[in-house]
Amino acid sequence: MTFHKEGYTSLALCILFIFILNAGIQFYKPEATALKWIFYILSAVLFIIIVQFFRNPHFDITQDEKVVLCPADGKVVVIEEATETEFLKDKRIQVSVFMSPVNVHVNRNPISGVVKYFKYHPGKYLVAWHPKSSTENERTTVVTENSTGTPVLFRQIAGALARRIVWYVKEGDKVEQGDQFGFIKFGSRVDLFLPLGSKINVEIGEVVKGGRTVIAELPA
């Protein structure tokens, strides 16, 4: 387990805030022992929250071109047939994973292949489970095509708390299944648009793990 690079600034600001807060209490209320302990405990809780949010676990990834790995830790909130209108412009199976603030927020490539399309969309900050968040919120859209020519579209979607989406890919990049392609801060959602005929291996409400849970098996 390591600390993710996207959290360095947040961790530094957290430590600075905790130092100033506790130094102020020590200076202005040196005799208030109970009050100081309350602030010590609150400071420890804040520090733990920041550290756990930006944790970056390491694990072995089993790559398989026939399957789609989950792109993020979270809970499955949508499994339905939908029309993808931005790039693929056809019917797909949409699988959406909601990431709460307590989840690991690293985003991972669901398949290996070449990035055929990438676009960043500024937008709103509706709650991540809102039906219109997929098309109206700040988001990125990535389409990766595997070696058999099968494209999979996936989106990072900002939520009410997530105000920063980070991505590490661009059109033309060759990516590996399970490698990091981005990060979203403080609660968000990731959508997958899979080919019709894909065998979905998860259910609504199921807790899933990025890079480990097999979301679906692609059609032959």
Protein backbone atom coordinates (compact mmCIF):
# COMPACT_ATOMS: atom_id res chain seq x y z
CA MET A 1 0.00 0.00 0.00
CA THR A 2 1.38 3.39 -1.02
CA PHE A 3 0.13 6.96 -1.09
CA HIS A 4 -1.07 8.13 -4.52
CA LYS A 5 0.76 11.05 -6.16
CA GLU A 6 -2.55 12.92 -6.66
CA GLY A 7 -2.82 13.28 -2.89
CA TYR A 8 0.51 14.99 -2.20
CA THR A 9 -0.94 18.52 -2.22
CA SER A 10 -3.99 17.52 -0.18
CA LEU A 11 -1.81 15.77 2.39
CA ALA A 12 0.53 18.79 2.68
CA LEU A 13 -2.43 21.16 3.17
CA CYS A 14 -3.95 18.79 5.72
CA ILE A 15 -0.73 18.64 7.76
CA LEU A 16 -0.34 22.44 7.58
CA PHE A 17 -3.95 22.95 8.72
CA ILE A 18 -3.54 20.49 11.60
CA PHE A 19 -0.29 22.17 12.70
CA ILE A 20 -1.77 25.68 12.66
CA LEU A 21 -4.96 24.55 14.40
CA ASN A 22 -3.22 22.71 17.21
CA ALA A 23 -0.55 25.38 17.62
CA GLY A 24 -3.31 27.97 17.97
CA ILE A 25 -5.11 25.93 20.62
CA GLN A 26 -1.84 25.39 22.50
CA PHE A 27 -1.04 29.11 22.38
CA TYR A 28 -4.45 30.59 23.21
CA LYS A 29 -5.87 27.85 25.47
CA PRO A 30 -2.85 26.20 27.16
CA GLU A 31 -4.93 25.16 30.20
CA ALA A 32 -7.87 23.69 28.25
CA THR A 33 -6.77 20.06 28.35
CA ALA A 34 -10.14 18.59 27.35
CA LEU A 35 -10.46 21.01 24.41
CA LYS A 36 -6.94 20.19 23.23
CA TRP A 37 -7.68 16.46 23.27
CA ILE A 38 -10.84 17.02 21.24
CA PHE A 39 -8.80 18.84 18.59
CA TYR A 40 -6.08 16.18 18.70
CA ILE A 41 -8.68 13.49 18.00
CA LEU A 42 -10.34 15.52 15.22
CA SER A 43 -6.92 16.16 13.68
CA ALA A 44 -6.10 12.45 13.72
CA VAL A 45 -9.44 11.60 12.11
CA LEU A 46 -8.89 14.19 9.34
CA PHE A 47 -5.38 12.87 8.68
CA ILE A 48 -6.62 9.26 8.49
CA ILE A 49 -9.41 10.24 6.08
CA ILE A 50 -6.96 11.93 3.71
CA VAL A 51 -4.50 9.04 3.87
CA GLN A 52 -7.13 6.35 3.28
CA PHE A 53 -8.75 8.30 0.43
CA PHE A 54 -5.50 8.60 -1.50
CA ARG A 55 -4.26 5.09 -0.77
CA ASN A 56 -2.87 3.26 -3.77
CA PRO A 57 -2.95 -0.50 -3.20
CA HIS A 58 -0.68 -2.79 -5.19
CA PHE A 59 -1.83 -6.21 -6.36
CA ASP A 60 -1.29 -8.68 -9.17
CA ILE A 61 -3.51 -8.19 -12.22
CA THR A 62 -4.53 -11.11 -14.42
CA GLN A 63 -4.88 -9.81 -17.96
CA ASP A 64 -7.31 -11.50 -20.33
CA GLU A 65 -8.36 -10.05 -23.67
CA LYS A 66 -11.70 -11.86 -23.49
CA VAL A 67 -12.88 -10.03 -20.35
CA VAL A 68 -13.51 -6.50 -19.12
CA LEU A 69 -12.01 -5.63 -15.74
CA CYS A 70 -13.71 -3.20 -13.39
CA PRO A 71 -12.20 0.29 -13.82
CA ALA A 72 -12.75 1.40 -10.20
CA ASP A 73 -13.59 0.34 -6.66
CA GLY A 74 -17.21 0.93 -5.74
CA LYS A 75 -20.74 -0.40 -6.13
CA VAL A 76 -22.61 -1.30 -9.32
CA VAL A 77 -25.55 1.12 -9.69
CA VAL A 78 -26.60 0.68 -13.33
CA ILE A 79 -26.85 -2.32 -15.68
CA GLU A 80 -29.03 -1.57 -18.69
CA GLU A 81 -29.15 -1.36 -22.45
CA ALA A 82 -28.48 2.19 -23.61
CA THR A 83 -27.66 4.12 -26.75
CA GLU A 84 -24.18 5.66 -26.70
CA THR A 85 -24.47 8.94 -28.61
CA GLU A 86 -21.04 10.54 -28.36
CA PHE A 87 -18.74 8.24 -30.31
CA LEU A 88 -20.00 4.70 -30.87
CA LYS A 89 -23.54 5.86 -31.75
CA ASP A 90 -25.15 2.47 -31.27
CA LYS A 91 -26.81 0.37 -28.60
CA ARG A 92 -24.58 -0.89 -25.79
CA ILE A 93 -24.82 -2.46 -22.37
CA GLN A 94 -24.11 0.26 -19.82
CA VAL A 95 -22.57 -0.74 -16.50
CA SER A 96 -21.98 2.07 -13.99
CA VAL A 97 -19.91 1.94 -10.80
CA PHE A 98 -20.45 4.52 -8.04
CA MET A 99 -17.35 5.43 -6.03
CA SER A 100 -18.01 6.72 -2.52
CA PRO A 101 -15.50 8.89 -0.61
CA VAL A 102 -14.25 5.80 1.27
CA ASN A 103 -13.32 3.89 -1.89
CA VAL A 104 -9.92 3.82 -3.58
CA HIS A 105 -10.25 6.41 -6.36
CA VAL A 106 -7.66 5.10 -8.79
CA ASN A 107 -9.17 4.41 -12.24
CA ARG A 108 -7.83 1.45 -14.25
CA ASN A 109 -8.02 0.44 -17.92
CA PRO A 110 -10.77 -2.16 -18.36
CA ILE A 111 -9.12 -3.66 -21.45
CA SER A 112 -5.78 -3.57 -23.23
CA GLY A 113 -5.53 -1.91 -26.62
CA VAL A 114 -5.16 1.44 -28.38
CA VAL A 115 -6.98 4.60 -27.33
CA LYS A 116 -9.04 5.52 -30.38
CA TYR A 117 -10.86 8.49 -28.84
CA PHE A 118 -10.46 10.78 -25.86
CA LYS A 119 -12.37 13.93 -24.90
CA TYR A 120 -12.73 16.02 -21.75
CA HIS A 121 -16.13 17.64 -21.15
CA PRO A 122 -16.59 20.48 -18.64
CA GLY A 123 -19.99 20.35 -17.00
CA LYS A 124 -22.16 20.30 -13.90
CA TYR A 125 -21.65 18.58 -10.54
CA LEU A 126 -24.89 16.66 -10.07
CA VAL A 127 -24.76 13.80 -7.57
CA ALA A 128 -22.99 10.91 -9.28
CA TRP A 129 -26.01 8.57 -9.19
CA HIS A 130 -28.26 11.14 -10.95
CA PRO A 131 -29.45 9.76 -14.34
CA LYS A 132 -28.23 12.89 -16.16
CA SER A 133 -24.76 12.89 -14.57
CA SER A 134 -23.48 10.70 -17.42
CA THR A 135 -24.22 13.40 -20.00
CA GLU A 136 -24.29 16.70 -18.06
CA ASN A 137 -21.54 16.44 -15.42
CA GLU A 138 -17.86 17.19 -15.87
CA ARG A 139 -16.45 14.02 -17.41
CA THR A 140 -13.96 12.37 -19.72
CA THR A 141 -14.75 9.86 -22.44
CA VAL A 142 -12.22 7.21 -23.49
CA VAL A 143 -12.62 4.58 -26.19
CA THR A 144 -10.09 1.74 -26.24
CA GLU A 145 -10.04 -0.85 -29.02
CA ASN A 146 -8.48 -4.25 -28.35
CA SER A 147 -6.45 -6.34 -30.80
CA THR A 148 -9.58 -7.98 -32.24
CA GLY A 149 -11.10 -4.59 -33.09
CA THR A 150 -13.64 -4.54 -30.25
CA PRO A 151 -14.11 -1.04 -28.77
CA VAL A 152 -15.06 -0.38 -25.16
CA LEU A 153 -16.10 3.13 -24.11
CA PHE A 154 -15.69 4.29 -20.51
CA ARG A 155 -16.24 7.60 -18.72
CA GLN A 156 -14.94 9.26 -15.58
CA ILE A 157 -17.80 11.34 -14.18
CA ALA A 158 -17.44 13.97 -11.47
CA GLY A 159 -19.97 13.99 -8.64
CA ALA A 160 -21.23 16.60 -6.18
CA LEU A 161 -17.98 16.41 -4.18
CA ALA A 162 -15.58 15.39 -6.95
CA ARG A 163 -14.21 18.63 -8.39
CA ARG A 164 -11.13 17.31 -10.11
CA ILE A 165 -10.78 14.63 -12.74
CA VAL A 166 -7.26 13.54 -13.66
CA TRP A 167 -6.37 11.42 -16.69
CA TYR A 168 -3.13 9.91 -17.98
CA VAL A 169 -4.13 8.83 -21.50
CA LYS A 170 -4.57 10.44 -24.91
CA GLU A 171 -5.58 9.34 -28.38
CA GLY A 172 -3.10 6.93 -29.93
CA ASP A 173 -1.74 5.61 -26.63
CA LYS A 174 -1.31 1.87 -26.23
CA VAL A 175 -2.66 0.88 -22.82
CA GLU A 176 -2.52 -2.25 -20.69
CA GLN A 177 -5.49 -3.80 -18.91
CA GLY A 178 -5.43 -2.92 -15.21
CA ASP A 179 -2.93 -0.05 -15.50
CA GLN A 180 -3.97 3.34 -14.15
CA PHE A 181 -5.62 5.69 -16.62
CA GLY A 182 -6.81 8.34 -14.17
CA PHE A 183 -8.01 9.44 -10.75
CA ILE A 184 -11.11 11.26 -9.45
CA LYS A 185 -11.20 13.06 -6.11
CA PHE A 186 -13.90 12.72 -3.46
CA GLY A 187 -16.78 10.63 -4.77
CA SER A 188 -17.66 9.98 -8.39
CA ARG A 189 -18.79 7.45 -10.97
CA VAL A 190 -17.39 5.45 -13.88
CA ASP A 191 -19.56 4.28 -16.80
CA LEU A 192 -18.73 1.39 -19.13
CA PHE A 193 -20.41 0.87 -22.51
CA LEU A 194 -19.95 -2.73 -23.63
CA PRO A 195 -20.90 -4.52 -26.86
CA LEU A 196 -24.31 -6.16 -27.00
CA GLY A 197 -23.90 -9.85 -26.36
CA SER A 198 -21.36 -9.32 -23.57
CA LYS A 199 -21.91 -11.64 -20.62
CA ILE A 200 -22.32 -9.43 -17.54
CA ASN A 201 -20.78 -11.03 -14.45
CA VAL A 202 -21.99 -8.52 -11.83
CA GLU A 203 -25.33 -7.46 -10.37
CA ILE A 204 -26.90 -4.20 -9.20
CA GLY A 205 -25.66 -3.37 -5.71
CA GLU A 206 -22.60 -5.60 -5.95
CA VAL A 207 -19.36 -4.25 -4.44
CA VAL A 208 -16.57 -4.39 -7.02
CA LYS A 209 -12.81 -3.84 -7.09
CA GLY A 210 -10.88 -1.94 -9.74
CA GLY A 211 -8.49 -4.13 -11.71
CA ARG A 212 -9.71 -7.31 -10.00
CA THR A 213 -13.45 -7.78 -10.53
CA VAL A 214 -14.38 -9.15 -13.97
CA ILE A 215 -17.31 -6.98 -15.06
CA ALA A 216 -18.06 -8.85 -18.28
CA GLU A 217 -16.93 -11.36 -20.86
CA LEU A 218 -16.78 -9.91 -24.38
CA PRO A 219 -18.69 -11.65 -27.16
CA ALA A 220 -16.61 -13.94 -29.39
